[in-house]
Amino acid sequence: MWMTGSSEIPAVGFHKLIDIEFGLEERVNTCALCVTLKHLTPMVEDPVLYFTERLINSSRFGAM
């Protein structure tokens, strides 16, 4: 829901696949179906864990 602004998947599906981009700040664009995550820092030991935690906590993207 946080990614699309929709409470359920439409019967015909979404107009495109969800894009994941990397940038300077974390944000979600519900119209474009795009999530932007911060670039990794060299200190991140487990990138999968790092991005999993970011997505789980993504409901706070707008509050940052």
N, C-alpha and C. Protein backbone atom coordinates (compact mmCIF):
# COMPACT_ATOMS: atom_id res chain seq x y z
N MET A 1 0.82 -1.20 0.00
CA MET A 1 0.00 0.00 0.00
C MET A 1 0.86 1.26 0.00
N TRP A 2 1.94 1.28 0.78
CA TRP A 2 2.79 2.47 0.84
C TRP A 2 3.46 2.75 -0.50
N MET A 3 3.68 1.72 -1.30
CA MET A 3 4.38 1.88 -2.57
C MET A 3 3.47 2.36 -3.69
N THR A 4 2.21 1.95 -3.66
CA THR A 4 1.31 2.23 -4.77
C THR A 4 0.21 3.22 -4.43
N GLY A 5 -0.08 3.41 -3.15
CA GLY A 5 -1.20 4.25 -2.76
C GLY A 5 -2.53 3.51 -2.88
N SER A 6 -2.49 2.25 -3.24
CA SER A 6 -3.70 1.44 -3.42
C SER A 6 -3.81 0.43 -2.29
N SER A 7 -5.02 0.17 -1.82
CA SER A 7 -5.20 -0.78 -0.72
C SER A 7 -5.23 -2.23 -1.21
N GLU A 8 -5.30 -2.42 -2.54
CA GLU A 8 -5.28 -3.78 -3.09
C GLU A 8 -4.77 -3.73 -4.52
N ILE A 9 -4.36 -4.88 -5.05
CA ILE A 9 -3.88 -4.94 -6.42
C ILE A 9 -5.08 -4.82 -7.36
N PRO A 10 -5.05 -3.89 -8.32
CA PRO A 10 -6.17 -3.74 -9.26
C PRO A 10 -6.39 -5.03 -10.06
N ALA A 11 -7.62 -5.26 -10.50
CA ALA A 11 -7.96 -6.48 -11.25
C ALA A 11 -7.10 -6.63 -12.52
N VAL A 12 -6.75 -5.53 -13.15
CA VAL A 12 -5.93 -5.58 -14.36
C VAL A 12 -4.45 -5.39 -14.07
N GLY A 13 -4.09 -5.30 -12.80
CA GLY A 13 -2.70 -5.09 -12.41
C GLY A 13 -2.32 -3.62 -12.47
N PHE A 14 -1.10 -3.34 -12.11
CA PHE A 14 -0.58 -1.97 -12.17
C PHE A 14 -0.08 -1.68 -13.57
N HIS A 15 0.10 -0.40 -13.89
CA HIS A 15 0.47 -0.01 -15.25
C HIS A 15 1.91 -0.36 -15.61
N LYS A 16 2.73 -0.74 -14.61
CA LYS A 16 4.12 -1.11 -14.87
C LYS A 16 4.69 -1.82 -13.65
N LEU A 17 5.88 -2.38 -13.81
CA LEU A 17 6.56 -2.99 -12.67
C LEU A 17 7.11 -1.90 -11.75
N ILE A 18 7.32 -2.23 -10.50
CA ILE A 18 7.88 -1.27 -9.54
C ILE A 18 9.37 -1.10 -9.82
N ASP A 19 9.82 0.15 -9.90
CA ASP A 19 11.24 0.46 -10.10
C ASP A 19 11.90 0.71 -8.76
N ILE A 20 13.16 0.27 -8.65
CA ILE A 20 13.98 0.58 -7.48
C ILE A 20 15.18 1.35 -7.99
N GLU A 21 15.38 2.55 -7.43
CA GLU A 21 16.49 3.40 -7.83
C GLU A 21 17.34 3.71 -6.61
N PHE A 22 18.53 4.22 -6.84
CA PHE A 22 19.43 4.62 -5.77
C PHE A 22 19.76 6.09 -5.95
N GLY A 23 19.72 6.84 -4.85
CA GLY A 23 19.97 8.27 -4.90
C GLY A 23 20.49 8.79 -3.59
N LEU A 24 20.38 10.10 -3.39
CA LEU A 24 20.90 10.74 -2.20
C LEU A 24 19.94 10.69 -1.02
N GLU A 25 18.65 10.47 -1.29
CA GLU A 25 17.66 10.41 -0.21
C GLU A 25 16.65 9.30 -0.50
N GLU A 26 16.00 8.82 0.55
CA GLU A 26 14.99 7.77 0.39
C GLU A 26 13.64 8.41 0.16
N ARG A 27 12.91 7.89 -0.83
CA ARG A 27 11.58 8.42 -1.12
C ARG A 27 10.79 7.39 -1.93
N VAL A 28 9.49 7.58 -1.95
CA VAL A 28 8.60 6.72 -2.73
C VAL A 28 7.74 7.62 -3.60
N ASN A 29 7.60 7.27 -4.87
CA ASN A 29 6.73 7.98 -5.80
C ASN A 29 5.61 7.02 -6.17
N THR A 30 4.42 7.22 -5.59
CA THR A 30 3.31 6.30 -5.82
C THR A 30 2.76 6.38 -7.24
N CYS A 31 2.83 7.52 -7.89
CA CYS A 31 2.33 7.65 -9.26
C CYS A 31 3.23 6.91 -10.24
N ALA A 32 4.54 7.00 -10.04
CA ALA A 32 5.50 6.38 -10.95
C ALA A 32 5.86 4.95 -10.54
N LEU A 33 5.33 4.50 -9.40
CA LEU A 33 5.67 3.18 -8.85
C LEU A 33 7.18 3.01 -8.75
N CYS A 34 7.81 3.93 -8.02
CA CYS A 34 9.26 3.95 -7.90
C CYS A 34 9.67 4.21 -6.45
N VAL A 35 10.60 3.42 -5.96
CA VAL A 35 11.17 3.65 -4.64
C VAL A 35 12.64 3.99 -4.83
N THR A 36 13.10 5.03 -4.14
CA THR A 36 14.49 5.45 -4.21
C THR A 36 15.13 5.20 -2.85
N LEU A 37 16.24 4.48 -2.85
CA LEU A 37 16.97 4.17 -1.63
C LEU A 37 18.31 4.88 -1.66
N LYS A 38 18.86 5.19 -0.48
CA LYS A 38 20.18 5.82 -0.41
C LYS A 38 21.25 4.85 -0.90
N HIS A 39 22.32 5.42 -1.46
CA HIS A 39 23.46 4.61 -1.86
C HIS A 39 24.07 3.96 -0.62
N LEU A 40 24.64 2.80 -0.78
CA LEU A 40 25.30 2.13 0.33
C LEU A 40 26.57 2.87 0.72
N THR A 41 26.86 2.85 2.00
CA THR A 41 28.13 3.38 2.47
C THR A 41 29.11 2.21 2.55
N PRO A 42 30.39 2.45 2.50
CA PRO A 42 31.36 1.35 2.56
C PRO A 42 31.29 0.55 3.86
N MET A 43 30.66 1.11 4.89
CA MET A 43 30.60 0.43 6.18
C MET A 43 29.51 -0.63 6.26
N VAL A 44 28.64 -0.74 5.27
CA VAL A 44 27.56 -1.72 5.30
C VAL A 44 28.14 -3.10 5.02
N GLU A 45 28.01 -3.99 6.02
CA GLU A 45 28.57 -5.33 5.87
C GLU A 45 27.63 -6.28 5.13
N ASP A 46 26.32 -6.15 5.36
CA ASP A 46 25.35 -7.05 4.75
C ASP A 46 24.32 -6.24 3.97
N PRO A 47 24.53 -6.04 2.67
CA PRO A 47 23.62 -5.20 1.88
C PRO A 47 22.19 -5.72 1.86
N VAL A 48 22.00 -7.04 1.84
CA VAL A 48 20.64 -7.60 1.81
C VAL A 48 19.91 -7.23 3.09
N LEU A 49 20.54 -7.39 4.24
CA LEU A 49 19.93 -7.02 5.52
C LEU A 49 19.66 -5.52 5.57
N TYR A 50 20.60 -4.73 5.10
CA TYR A 50 20.45 -3.27 5.10
C TYR A 50 19.20 -2.86 4.31
N PHE A 51 19.06 -3.34 3.07
CA PHE A 51 17.93 -2.93 2.25
C PHE A 51 16.62 -3.55 2.73
N THR A 52 16.67 -4.75 3.29
CA THR A 52 15.47 -5.36 3.86
C THR A 52 14.94 -4.51 5.00
N GLU A 53 15.82 -4.07 5.89
CA GLU A 53 15.41 -3.20 7.00
C GLU A 53 14.86 -1.87 6.49
N ARG A 54 15.47 -1.31 5.45
CA ARG A 54 15.00 -0.04 4.89
C ARG A 54 13.58 -0.19 4.35
N LEU A 55 13.31 -1.28 3.64
CA LEU A 55 11.97 -1.49 3.08
C LEU A 55 10.95 -1.76 4.16
N ILE A 56 11.32 -2.54 5.19
CA ILE A 56 10.39 -2.82 6.29
C ILE A 56 10.02 -1.53 7.01
N ASN A 57 10.98 -0.64 7.18
CA ASN A 57 10.74 0.62 7.87
C ASN A 57 10.30 1.74 6.94
N SER A 58 9.96 1.42 5.71
CA SER A 58 9.67 2.43 4.70
C SER A 58 8.39 3.23 4.95
N SER A 59 7.54 2.78 5.84
CA SER A 59 6.34 3.56 6.13
C SER A 59 6.71 4.92 6.72
N ARG A 60 7.96 5.08 7.14
CA ARG A 60 8.42 6.34 7.72
C ARG A 60 9.09 7.23 6.67
N PHE A 61 9.15 6.81 5.40
CA PHE A 61 9.84 7.61 4.37
C PHE A 61 9.34 9.05 4.36
N GLY A 62 8.06 9.25 4.43
CA GLY A 62 7.49 10.59 4.37
C GLY A 62 7.74 11.40 5.62
N ALA A 63 8.09 10.73 6.73
CA ALA A 63 8.26 11.42 8.01
C ALA A 63 9.69 11.89 8.22
N MET A 64 10.60 11.52 7.33
CA MET A 64 12.02 11.87 7.53
C MET A 64 12.30 13.27 7.11
